Amino acid sequence: RTEVATTLLDPLELTLPGYVCMRALSL
């Protein structure tokens, strides 16, 4: 969580639940 949030998601102003939601919707 820390690795993904701080290096990838935070700069895009995207939360981890937001990313998981998008991943789930893709599936």
mmCIF file of all heavy atoms, coordinates in Angstrom:
data_MODEL
# 
_entry.id   MODEL 
# 
loop_
_atom_site.group_PDB 
_atom_site.id 
_atom_site.type_symbol 
_atom_site.label_atom_id 
_atom_site.label_alt_id 
_atom_site.label_comp_id 
_atom_site.label_asym_id 
_atom_site.label_entity_id 
_atom_site.label_seq_id 
_atom_site.pdbx_PDB_ins_code 
_atom_site.Cartn_x 
_atom_site.Cartn_y 
_atom_site.Cartn_z 
_atom_site.occupancy 
_atom_site.B_iso_or_equiv 
_atom_site.pdbx_formal_charge 
_atom_site.auth_seq_id 
_atom_site.auth_comp_id 
_atom_site.auth_asym_id 
_atom_site.auth_atom_id 
_atom_site.pdbx_PDB_model_num 
ATOM 1   N N   . ARG A 1 1  ? 0.838   -1.214 0.000   1.00 0.00 ? 1  ARG A N   1 
ATOM 2   C CA  . ARG A 1 1  ? 0.000   0.000  0.000   1.00 0.00 ? 1  ARG A CA  1 
ATOM 3   C C   . ARG A 1 1  ? 0.863   1.250  0.000   1.00 0.00 ? 1  ARG A C   1 
ATOM 4   O O   . ARG A 1 1  ? 0.635   2.178  -0.781  1.00 0.00 ? 1  ARG A O   1 
ATOM 5   C CB  . ARG A 1 1  ? -0.916  0.031  1.230   1.00 0.00 ? 1  ARG A CB  1 
ATOM 6   C CG  . ARG A 1 1  ? -2.266  -0.575 1.039   1.00 0.00 ? 1  ARG A CG  1 
ATOM 7   C CD  . ARG A 1 1  ? -3.203  -0.258 2.206   1.00 0.00 ? 1  ARG A CD  1 
ATOM 8   N NE  . ARG A 1 1  ? -2.664  -0.621 3.511   1.00 0.00 ? 1  ARG A NE  1 
ATOM 9   C CZ  . ARG A 1 1  ? -2.762  -1.813 4.067   1.00 0.00 ? 1  ARG A CZ  1 
ATOM 10  N NH1 . ARG A 1 1  ? -3.378  -2.782 3.439   1.00 0.00 ? 1  ARG A NH1 1 
ATOM 11  N NH2 . ARG A 1 1  ? -2.252  -2.046 5.247   1.00 0.00 ? 1  ARG A NH2 1 
ATOM 12  N N   . THR A 1 2  ? 1.852   1.276  0.881   1.00 0.00 ? 2  THR A N   1 
ATOM 13  C CA  . THR A 1 2  ? 2.722   2.447  0.973   1.00 0.00 ? 2  THR A CA  1 
ATOM 14  C C   . THR A 1 2  ? 3.481   2.670  -0.326  1.00 0.00 ? 2  THR A C   1 
ATOM 15  O O   . THR A 1 2  ? 3.543   3.796  -0.826  1.00 0.00 ? 2  THR A O   1 
ATOM 16  C CB  . THR A 1 2  ? 3.708   2.281  2.150   1.00 0.00 ? 2  THR A CB  1 
ATOM 17  O OG1 . THR A 1 2  ? 2.954   2.151  3.349   1.00 0.00 ? 2  THR A OG1 1 
ATOM 18  C CG2 . THR A 1 2  ? 4.644   3.462  2.258   1.00 0.00 ? 2  THR A CG2 1 
ATOM 19  N N   . GLU A 1 3  ? 4.049   1.617  -0.871  1.00 0.00 ? 3  GLU A N   1 
ATOM 20  C CA  . GLU A 1 3  ? 4.825   1.723  -2.111  1.00 0.00 ? 3  GLU A CA  1 
ATOM 21  C C   . GLU A 1 3  ? 3.954   2.222  -3.267  1.00 0.00 ? 3  GLU A C   1 
ATOM 22  O O   . GLU A 1 3  ? 4.349   3.128  -4.001  1.00 0.00 ? 3  GLU A O   1 
ATOM 23  C CB  . GLU A 1 3  ? 5.433   0.363  -2.451  1.00 0.00 ? 3  GLU A CB  1 
ATOM 24  C CG  . GLU A 1 3  ? 6.322   0.361  -3.650  1.00 0.00 ? 3  GLU A CG  1 
ATOM 25  C CD  . GLU A 1 3  ? 7.653   1.068  -3.463  1.00 0.00 ? 3  GLU A CD  1 
ATOM 26  O OE1 . GLU A 1 3  ? 8.123   1.180  -2.316  1.00 0.00 ? 3  GLU A OE1 1 
ATOM 27  O OE2 . GLU A 1 3  ? 8.222   1.509  -4.471  1.00 0.00 ? 3  GLU A OE2 1 
ATOM 28  N N   . VAL A 1 4  ? 2.778   1.656  -3.416  1.00 0.00 ? 4  VAL A N   1 
ATOM 29  C CA  . VAL A 1 4  ? 1.894   2.037  -4.525  1.00 0.00 ? 4  VAL A CA  1 
ATOM 30  C C   . VAL A 1 4  ? 1.334   3.440  -4.315  1.00 0.00 ? 4  VAL A C   1 
ATOM 31  O O   . VAL A 1 4  ? 1.334   4.263  -5.237  1.00 0.00 ? 4  VAL A O   1 
ATOM 32  C CB  . VAL A 1 4  ? 0.761   1.000  -4.699  1.00 0.00 ? 4  VAL A CB  1 
ATOM 33  C CG1 . VAL A 1 4  ? -0.294  1.502  -5.663  1.00 0.00 ? 4  VAL A CG1 1 
ATOM 34  C CG2 . VAL A 1 4  ? 1.329   -0.324 -5.188  1.00 0.00 ? 4  VAL A CG2 1 
ATOM 35  N N   . ALA A 1 5  ? 0.883   3.724  -3.106  1.00 0.00 ? 5  ALA A N   1 
ATOM 36  C CA  . ALA A 1 5  ? 0.256   5.024  -2.856  1.00 0.00 ? 5  ALA A CA  1 
ATOM 37  C C   . ALA A 1 5  ? 1.259   6.163  -3.001  1.00 0.00 ? 5  ALA A C   1 
ATOM 38  O O   . ALA A 1 5  ? 0.992   7.140  -3.705  1.00 0.00 ? 5  ALA A O   1 
ATOM 39  C CB  . ALA A 1 5  ? -0.381  5.043  -1.475  1.00 0.00 ? 5  ALA A CB  1 
ATOM 40  N N   . THR A 1 6  ? 2.401   6.050  -2.348  1.00 0.00 ? 6  THR A N   1 
ATOM 41  C CA  . THR A 1 6  ? 3.327   7.188  -2.344  1.00 0.00 ? 6  THR A CA  1 
ATOM 42  C C   . THR A 1 6  ? 4.016   7.395  -3.685  1.00 0.00 ? 6  THR A C   1 
ATOM 43  O O   . THR A 1 6  ? 4.234   8.525  -4.096  1.00 0.00 ? 6  THR A O   1 
ATOM 44  C CB  . THR A 1 6  ? 4.388   7.045  -1.236  1.00 0.00 ? 6  THR A CB  1 
ATOM 45  O OG1 . THR A 1 6  ? 5.104   5.835  -1.415  1.00 0.00 ? 6  THR A OG1 1 
ATOM 46  C CG2 . THR A 1 6  ? 3.761   7.084  0.137   1.00 0.00 ? 6  THR A CG2 1 
ATOM 47  N N   . THR A 1 7  ? 4.362   6.326  -4.372  1.00 0.00 ? 7  THR A N   1 
ATOM 48  C CA  . THR A 1 7  ? 5.115   6.493  -5.617  1.00 0.00 ? 7  THR A CA  1 
ATOM 49  C C   . THR A 1 7  ? 4.231   6.664  -6.844  1.00 0.00 ? 7  THR A C   1 
ATOM 50  O O   . THR A 1 7  ? 4.642   7.300  -7.809  1.00 0.00 ? 7  THR A O   1 
ATOM 51  C CB  . THR A 1 7  ? 6.079   5.311  -5.862  1.00 0.00 ? 7  THR A CB  1 
ATOM 52  O OG1 . THR A 1 7  ? 5.326   4.117  -6.002  1.00 0.00 ? 7  THR A OG1 1 
ATOM 53  C CG2 . THR A 1 7  ? 7.084   5.180  -4.747  1.00 0.00 ? 7  THR A CG2 1 
ATOM 54  N N   . LEU A 1 8  ? 3.021   6.127  -6.817  1.00 0.00 ? 8  LEU A N   1 
ATOM 55  C CA  . LEU A 1 8  ? 2.198   6.138  -8.023  1.00 0.00 ? 8  LEU A CA  1 
ATOM 56  C C   . LEU A 1 8  ? 0.896   6.932  -7.896  1.00 0.00 ? 8  LEU A C   1 
ATOM 57  O O   . LEU A 1 8  ? 0.576   7.748  -8.753  1.00 0.00 ? 8  LEU A O   1 
ATOM 58  C CB  . LEU A 1 8  ? 1.842   4.705  -8.428  1.00 0.00 ? 8  LEU A CB  1 
ATOM 59  C CG  . LEU A 1 8  ? 2.989   3.765  -8.694  1.00 0.00 ? 8  LEU A CG  1 
ATOM 60  C CD1 . LEU A 1 8  ? 2.477   2.364  -8.933  1.00 0.00 ? 8  LEU A CD1 1 
ATOM 61  C CD2 . LEU A 1 8  ? 3.794   4.250  -9.872  1.00 0.00 ? 8  LEU A CD2 1 
ATOM 62  N N   . LEU A 1 9  ? 0.148   6.638  -6.864  1.00 0.00 ? 9  LEU A N   1 
ATOM 63  C CA  . LEU A 1 9  ? -1.205  7.176  -6.785  1.00 0.00 ? 9  LEU A CA  1 
ATOM 64  C C   . LEU A 1 9  ? -1.274  8.605  -6.262  1.00 0.00 ? 9  LEU A C   1 
ATOM 65  O O   . LEU A 1 9  ? -2.031  9.420  -6.794  1.00 0.00 ? 9  LEU A O   1 
ATOM 66  C CB  . LEU A 1 9  ? -2.082  6.253  -5.929  1.00 0.00 ? 9  LEU A CB  1 
ATOM 67  C CG  . LEU A 1 9  ? -2.170  4.806  -6.415  1.00 0.00 ? 9  LEU A CG  1 
ATOM 68  C CD1 . LEU A 1 9  ? -3.077  4.000  -5.501  1.00 0.00 ? 9  LEU A CD1 1 
ATOM 69  C CD2 . LEU A 1 9  ? -2.647  4.729  -7.857  1.00 0.00 ? 9  LEU A CD2 1 
ATOM 70  N N   . ASP A 1 10 ? -0.508  8.903  -5.226  1.00 0.00 ? 10 ASP A N   1 
ATOM 71  C CA  . ASP A 1 10 ? -0.552  10.251 -4.657  1.00 0.00 ? 10 ASP A CA  1 
ATOM 72  C C   . ASP A 1 10 ? -0.290  11.336 -5.702  1.00 0.00 ? 10 ASP A C   1 
ATOM 73  O O   . ASP A 1 10 ? -1.030  12.319 -5.758  1.00 0.00 ? 10 ASP A O   1 
ATOM 74  C CB  . ASP A 1 10 ? 0.423   10.395 -3.487  1.00 0.00 ? 10 ASP A CB  1 
ATOM 75  C CG  . ASP A 1 10 ? -0.024  9.640  -2.242  1.00 0.00 ? 10 ASP A CG  1 
ATOM 76  O OD1 . ASP A 1 10 ? -1.168  9.121  -2.234  1.00 0.00 ? 10 ASP A OD1 1 
ATOM 77  O OD2 . ASP A 1 10 ? 0.769   9.557  -1.288  1.00 0.00 ? 10 ASP A OD2 1 
ATOM 78  N N   . PRO A 1 11 ? 0.739   11.186 -6.549  1.00 0.00 ? 11 PRO A N   1 
ATOM 79  C CA  . PRO A 1 11 ? 0.972   12.230 -7.556  1.00 0.00 ? 11 PRO A CA  1 
ATOM 80  C C   . PRO A 1 11 ? -0.198  12.402 -8.537  1.00 0.00 ? 11 PRO A C   1 
ATOM 81  O O   . PRO A 1 11 ? -0.375  13.482 -9.103  1.00 0.00 ? 11 PRO A O   1 
ATOM 82  C CB  . PRO A 1 11 ? 2.220   11.747 -8.300  1.00 0.00 ? 11 PRO A CB  1 
ATOM 83  C CG  . PRO A 1 11 ? 2.901   10.825 -7.348  1.00 0.00 ? 11 PRO A CG  1 
ATOM 84  C CD  . PRO A 1 11 ? 1.799   10.180 -6.554  1.00 0.00 ? 11 PRO A CD  1 
ATOM 85  N N   . LEU A 1 12 ? -0.995  11.354 -8.716  1.00 0.00 ? 12 LEU A N   1 
ATOM 86  C CA  . LEU A 1 12 ? -2.152  11.428 -9.613  1.00 0.00 ? 12 LEU A CA  1 
ATOM 87  C C   . LEU A 1 12 ? -3.433  11.816 -8.871  1.00 0.00 ? 12 LEU A C   1 
ATOM 88  O O   . LEU A 1 12 ? -4.505  11.847 -9.472  1.00 0.00 ? 12 LEU A O   1 
ATOM 89  C CB  . LEU A 1 12 ? -2.366  10.070 -10.300 1.00 0.00 ? 12 LEU A CB  1 
ATOM 90  C CG  . LEU A 1 12 ? -1.249  9.608  -11.214 1.00 0.00 ? 12 LEU A CG  1 
ATOM 91  C CD1 . LEU A 1 12 ? -1.520  8.187  -11.695 1.00 0.00 ? 12 LEU A CD1 1 
ATOM 92  C CD2 . LEU A 1 12 ? -1.090  10.557 -12.391 1.00 0.00 ? 12 LEU A CD2 1 
ATOM 93  N N   . GLU A 1 13 ? -3.282  12.062 -7.566  1.00 0.00 ? 13 GLU A N   1 
ATOM 94  C CA  . GLU A 1 13 ? -4.428  12.372 -6.708  1.00 0.00 ? 13 GLU A CA  1 
ATOM 95  C C   . GLU A 1 13 ? -5.487  11.271 -6.803  1.00 0.00 ? 13 GLU A C   1 
ATOM 96  O O   . GLU A 1 13 ? -6.686  11.531 -6.902  1.00 0.00 ? 13 GLU A O   1 
ATOM 97  C CB  . GLU A 1 13 ? -5.009  13.748 -7.034  1.00 0.00 ? 13 GLU A CB  1 
ATOM 98  C CG  . GLU A 1 13 ? -4.028  14.871 -6.774  1.00 0.00 ? 13 GLU A CG  1 
ATOM 99  C CD  . GLU A 1 13 ? -4.585  16.244 -7.080  1.00 0.00 ? 13 GLU A CD  1 
ATOM 100 O OE1 . GLU A 1 13 ? -5.759  16.356 -7.463  1.00 0.00 ? 13 GLU A OE1 1 
ATOM 101 O OE2 . GLU A 1 13 ? -3.810  17.204 -6.941  1.00 0.00 ? 13 GLU A OE2 1 
ATOM 102 N N   . LEU A 1 14 ? -5.006  10.041 -6.756  1.00 0.00 ? 14 LEU A N   1 
ATOM 103 C CA  . LEU A 1 14 ? -5.858  8.867  -6.796  1.00 0.00 ? 14 LEU A CA  1 
ATOM 104 C C   . LEU A 1 14 ? -5.610  8.069  -5.523  1.00 0.00 ? 14 LEU A C   1 
ATOM 105 O O   . LEU A 1 14 ? -4.464  7.905  -5.108  1.00 0.00 ? 14 LEU A O   1 
ATOM 106 C CB  . LEU A 1 14 ? -5.523  8.016  -8.029  1.00 0.00 ? 14 LEU A CB  1 
ATOM 107 C CG  . LEU A 1 14 ? -6.414  6.822  -8.350  1.00 0.00 ? 14 LEU A CG  1 
ATOM 108 C CD1 . LEU A 1 14 ? -7.820  7.282  -8.705  1.00 0.00 ? 14 LEU A CD1 1 
ATOM 109 C CD2 . LEU A 1 14 ? -5.823  6.040  -9.516  1.00 0.00 ? 14 LEU A CD2 1 
ATOM 110 N N   . THR A 1 15 ? -6.670  7.592  -4.895  1.00 0.00 ? 15 THR A N   1 
ATOM 111 C CA  . THR A 1 15 ? -6.527  6.799  -3.674  1.00 0.00 ? 15 THR A CA  1 
ATOM 112 C C   . THR A 1 15 ? -6.379  5.324  -4.023  1.00 0.00 ? 15 THR A C   1 
ATOM 113 O O   . THR A 1 15 ? -6.741  4.896  -5.129  1.00 0.00 ? 15 THR A O   1 
ATOM 114 C CB  . THR A 1 15 ? -7.755  6.966  -2.769  1.00 0.00 ? 15 THR A CB  1 
ATOM 115 O OG1 . THR A 1 15 ? -8.912  6.432  -3.451  1.00 0.00 ? 15 THR A OG1 1 
ATOM 116 C CG2 . THR A 1 15 ? -7.983  8.426  -2.398  1.00 0.00 ? 15 THR A CG2 1 
ATOM 117 N N   . LEU A 1 16 ? -5.882  4.549  -3.064  1.00 0.00 ? 16 LEU A N   1 
ATOM 118 C CA  . LEU A 1 16 ? -5.787  3.110  -3.289  1.00 0.00 ? 16 LEU A CA  1 
ATOM 119 C C   . LEU A 1 16 ? -7.169  2.492  -3.499  1.00 0.00 ? 16 LEU A C   1 
ATOM 120 O O   . LEU A 1 16 ? -7.341  1.698  -4.435  1.00 0.00 ? 16 LEU A O   1 
ATOM 121 C CB  . LEU A 1 16 ? -5.030  2.425  -2.150  1.00 0.00 ? 16 LEU A CB  1 
ATOM 122 C CG  . LEU A 1 16 ? -4.729  0.949  -2.383  1.00 0.00 ? 16 LEU A CG  1 
ATOM 123 C CD1 . LEU A 1 16 ? -3.890  0.740  -3.644  1.00 0.00 ? 16 LEU A CD1 1 
ATOM 124 C CD2 . LEU A 1 16 ? -4.005  0.364  -1.183  1.00 0.00 ? 16 LEU A CD2 1 
ATOM 125 N N   . PRO A 1 17 ? -8.203  2.850  -2.700  1.00 0.00 ? 17 PRO A N   1 
ATOM 126 C CA  . PRO A 1 17 ? -9.535  2.320  -3.009  1.00 0.00 ? 17 PRO A CA  1 
ATOM 127 C C   . PRO A 1 17 ? -10.018 2.729  -4.401  1.00 0.00 ? 17 PRO A C   1 
ATOM 128 O O   . PRO A 1 17 ? -10.710 1.967  -5.069  1.00 0.00 ? 17 PRO A O   1 
ATOM 129 C CB  . PRO A 1 17 ? -10.416 2.909  -1.911  1.00 0.00 ? 17 PRO A CB  1 
ATOM 130 C CG  . PRO A 1 17 ? -9.493  3.137  -0.768  1.00 0.00 ? 17 PRO A CG  1 
ATOM 131 C CD  . PRO A 1 17 ? -8.192  3.553  -1.412  1.00 0.00 ? 17 PRO A CD  1 
ATOM 132 N N   . GLY A 1 18 ? -9.614  3.906  -4.859  1.00 0.00 ? 18 GLY A N   1 
ATOM 133 C CA  . GLY A 1 18 ? -9.981  4.333  -6.212  1.00 0.00 ? 18 GLY A CA  1 
ATOM 134 C C   . GLY A 1 18 ? -9.336  3.457  -7.262  1.00 0.00 ? 18 GLY A C   1 
ATOM 135 O O   . GLY A 1 18 ? -9.975  3.037  -8.235  1.00 0.00 ? 18 GLY A O   1 
ATOM 136 N N   . TYR A 1 19 ? -8.054  3.145  -7.068  1.00 0.00 ? 19 TYR A N   1 
ATOM 137 C CA  . TYR A 1 19 ? -7.365  2.258  -7.999  1.00 0.00 ? 19 TYR A CA  1 
ATOM 138 C C   . TYR A 1 19 ? -7.981  0.863  -7.971  1.00 0.00 ? 19 TYR A C   1 
ATOM 139 O O   . TYR A 1 19 ? -8.235  0.270  -9.020  1.00 0.00 ? 19 TYR A O   1 
ATOM 140 C CB  . TYR A 1 19 ? -5.867  2.179  -7.662  1.00 0.00 ? 19 TYR A CB  1 
ATOM 141 C CG  . TYR A 1 19 ? -5.158  1.114  -8.463  1.00 0.00 ? 19 TYR A CG  1 
ATOM 142 C CD1 . TYR A 1 19 ? -4.843  1.325  -9.803  1.00 0.00 ? 19 TYR A CD1 1 
ATOM 143 C CD2 . TYR A 1 19 ? -4.848  -0.117 -7.898  1.00 0.00 ? 19 TYR A CD2 1 
ATOM 144 C CE1 . TYR A 1 19 ? -4.214  0.338  -10.548 1.00 0.00 ? 19 TYR A CE1 1 
ATOM 145 C CE2 . TYR A 1 19 ? -4.221  -1.110 -8.635  1.00 0.00 ? 19 TYR A CE2 1 
ATOM 146 C CZ  . TYR A 1 19 ? -3.909  -0.879 -9.956  1.00 0.00 ? 19 TYR A CZ  1 
ATOM 147 O OH  . TYR A 1 19 ? -3.308  -1.859 -10.699 1.00 0.00 ? 19 TYR A OH  1 
ATOM 148 N N   . VAL A 1 20 ? -8.249  0.342  -6.775  1.00 0.00 ? 20 VAL A N   1 
ATOM 149 C CA  . VAL A 1 20 ? -8.853  -0.993 -6.654  1.00 0.00 ? 20 VAL A CA  1 
ATOM 150 C C   . VAL A 1 20 ? -10.231 -1.005 -7.319  1.00 0.00 ? 20 VAL A C   1 
ATOM 151 O O   . VAL A 1 20 ? -10.590 -1.968 -8.000  1.00 0.00 ? 20 VAL A O   1 
ATOM 152 C CB  . VAL A 1 20 ? -8.931  -1.433 -5.175  1.00 0.00 ? 20 VAL A CB  1 
ATOM 153 C CG1 . VAL A 1 20 ? -9.723  -2.722 -5.024  1.00 0.00 ? 20 VAL A CG1 1 
ATOM 154 C CG2 . VAL A 1 20 ? -7.538  -1.595 -4.601  1.00 0.00 ? 20 VAL A CG2 1 
ATOM 155 N N   . CYS A 1 21 ? -10.985 0.065  -7.157  1.00 0.00 ? 21 CYS A N   1 
ATOM 156 C CA  . CYS A 1 21 ? -12.301 0.175  -7.799  1.00 0.00 ? 21 CYS A CA  1 
ATOM 157 C C   . CYS A 1 21 ? -12.150 0.105  -9.321  1.00 0.00 ? 21 CYS A C   1 
ATOM 158 O O   . CYS A 1 21 ? -12.869 -0.642 -9.986  1.00 0.00 ? 21 CYS A O   1 
ATOM 159 C CB  . CYS A 1 21 ? -12.961 1.485  -7.376  1.00 0.00 ? 21 CYS A CB  1 
ATOM 160 S SG  . CYS A 1 21 ? -14.524 1.838  -8.202  1.00 0.00 ? 21 CYS A SG  1 
ATOM 161 N N   . MET A 1 22 ? -11.209 0.865  -9.848  1.00 0.00 ? 22 MET A N   1 
ATOM 162 C CA  . MET A 1 22 ? -10.997 0.852  -11.300 1.00 0.00 ? 22 MET A CA  1 
ATOM 163 C C   . MET A 1 22 ? -10.550 -0.523 -11.772 1.00 0.00 ? 22 MET A C   1 
ATOM 164 O O   . MET A 1 22 ? -11.004 -1.020 -12.806 1.00 0.00 ? 22 MET A O   1 
ATOM 165 C CB  . MET A 1 22 ? -9.983  1.930  -11.681 1.00 0.00 ? 22 MET A CB  1 
ATOM 166 C CG  . MET A 1 22 ? -10.509 3.345  -11.469 1.00 0.00 ? 22 MET A CG  1 
ATOM 167 S SD  . MET A 1 22 ? -9.255  4.615  -11.676 1.00 0.00 ? 22 MET A SD  1 
ATOM 168 C CE  . MET A 1 22 ? -8.737  4.354  -13.364 1.00 0.00 ? 22 MET A CE  1 
ATOM 169 N N   . ARG A 1 23 ? -9.644  -1.168 -11.032 1.00 0.00 ? 23 ARG A N   1 
ATOM 170 C CA  . ARG A 1 23 ? -9.161  -2.502 -11.391 1.00 0.00 ? 23 ARG A CA  1 
ATOM 171 C C   . ARG A 1 23 ? -10.334 -3.483 -11.388 1.00 0.00 ? 23 ARG A C   1 
ATOM 172 O O   . ARG A 1 23 ? -10.489 -4.293 -12.290 1.00 0.00 ? 23 ARG A O   1 
ATOM 173 C CB  . ARG A 1 23 ? -8.068  -2.921 -10.381 1.00 0.00 ? 23 ARG A CB  1 
ATOM 174 C CG  . ARG A 1 23 ? -7.685  -4.353 -10.358 1.00 0.00 ? 23 ARG A CG  1 
ATOM 175 C CD  . ARG A 1 23 ? -6.788  -4.933 -11.436 1.00 0.00 ? 23 ARG A CD  1 
ATOM 176 N NE  . ARG A 1 23 ? -6.173  -4.108 -12.405 1.00 0.00 ? 23 ARG A NE  1 
ATOM 177 C CZ  . ARG A 1 23 ? -6.436  -4.174 -13.726 1.00 0.00 ? 23 ARG A CZ  1 
ATOM 178 N NH1 . ARG A 1 23 ? -7.320  -5.022 -14.198 1.00 0.00 ? 23 ARG A NH1 1 
ATOM 179 N NH2 . ARG A 1 23 ? -5.804  -3.420 -14.574 1.00 0.00 ? 23 ARG A NH2 1 
ATOM 180 N N   . ALA A 1 24 ? -11.193 -3.399 -10.340 1.00 0.00 ? 24 ALA A N   1 
ATOM 181 C CA  . ALA A 1 24 ? -12.353 -4.290 -10.247 1.00 0.00 ? 24 ALA A CA  1 
ATOM 182 C C   . ALA A 1 24 ? -13.312 -4.051 -11.409 1.00 0.00 ? 24 ALA A C   1 
ATOM 183 O O   . ALA A 1 24 ? -13.855 -5.009 -11.976 1.00 0.00 ? 24 ALA A O   1 
ATOM 184 C CB  . ALA A 1 24 ? -13.065 -4.093 -8.903  1.00 0.00 ? 24 ALA A CB  1 
ATOM 185 N N   . LEU A 1 25 ? -13.515 -2.799 -11.778 1.00 0.00 ? 25 LEU A N   1 
ATOM 186 C CA  . LEU A 1 25 ? -14.419 -2.499 -12.895 1.00 0.00 ? 25 LEU A CA  1 
ATOM 187 C C   . LEU A 1 25 ? -13.854 -2.989 -14.231 1.00 0.00 ? 25 LEU A C   1 
ATOM 188 O O   . LEU A 1 25 ? -14.608 -3.329 -15.133 1.00 0.00 ? 25 LEU A O   1 
ATOM 189 C CB  . LEU A 1 25 ? -14.719 -1.005 -12.963 1.00 0.00 ? 25 LEU A CB  1 
ATOM 190 C CG  . LEU A 1 25 ? -15.642 -0.485 -11.883 1.00 0.00 ? 25 LEU A CG  1 
ATOM 191 C CD1 . LEU A 1 25 ? -15.742 1.038  -11.945 1.00 0.00 ? 25 LEU A CD1 1 
ATOM 192 C CD2 . LEU A 1 25 ? -17.024 -1.119 -12.003 1.00 0.00 ? 25 LEU A CD2 1 
ATOM 193 N N   . SER A 1 26 ? -12.537 -3.030 -14.339 1.00 0.00 ? 26 SER A N   1 
ATOM 194 C CA  . SER A 1 26 ? -11.949 -3.550 -15.581 1.00 0.00 ? 26 SER A CA  1 
ATOM 195 C C   . SER A 1 26 ? -12.208 -5.050 -15.709 1.00 0.00 ? 26 SER A C   1 
ATOM 196 O O   . SER A 1 26 ? -12.298 -5.579 -16.813 1.00 0.00 ? 26 SER A O   1 
ATOM 197 C CB  . SER A 1 26 ? -10.448 -3.254 -15.634 1.00 0.00 ? 26 SER A CB  1 
ATOM 198 O OG  . SER A 1 26 ? -9.727  -4.105 -14.767 1.00 0.00 ? 26 SER A OG  1 
ATOM 199 N N   . LEU A 1 27 ? -12.309 -5.725 -14.567 1.00 0.00 ? 27 LEU A N   1 
ATOM 200 C CA  . LEU A 1 27 ? -12.561 -7.166 -14.564 1.00 0.00 ? 27 LEU A CA  1 
ATOM 201 C C   . LEU A 1 27 ? -14.048 -7.500 -14.572 1.00 0.00 ? 27 LEU A C   1 
ATOM 202 O O   . LEU A 1 27 ? -14.439 -8.566 -15.057 1.00 0.00 ? 27 LEU A O   1 
ATOM 203 C CB  . LEU A 1 27 ? -11.902 -7.805 -13.334 1.00 0.00 ? 27 LEU A CB  1 
ATOM 204 C CG  . LEU A 1 27 ? -10.382 -7.651 -13.244 1.00 0.00 ? 27 LEU A CG  1 
ATOM 205 C CD1 . LEU A 1 27 ? -9.877  -8.134 -11.893 1.00 0.00 ? 27 LEU A CD1 1 
ATOM 206 C CD2 . LEU A 1 27 ? -9.712  -8.382 -14.385 1.00 0.00 ? 27 LEU A CD2 1 
# 
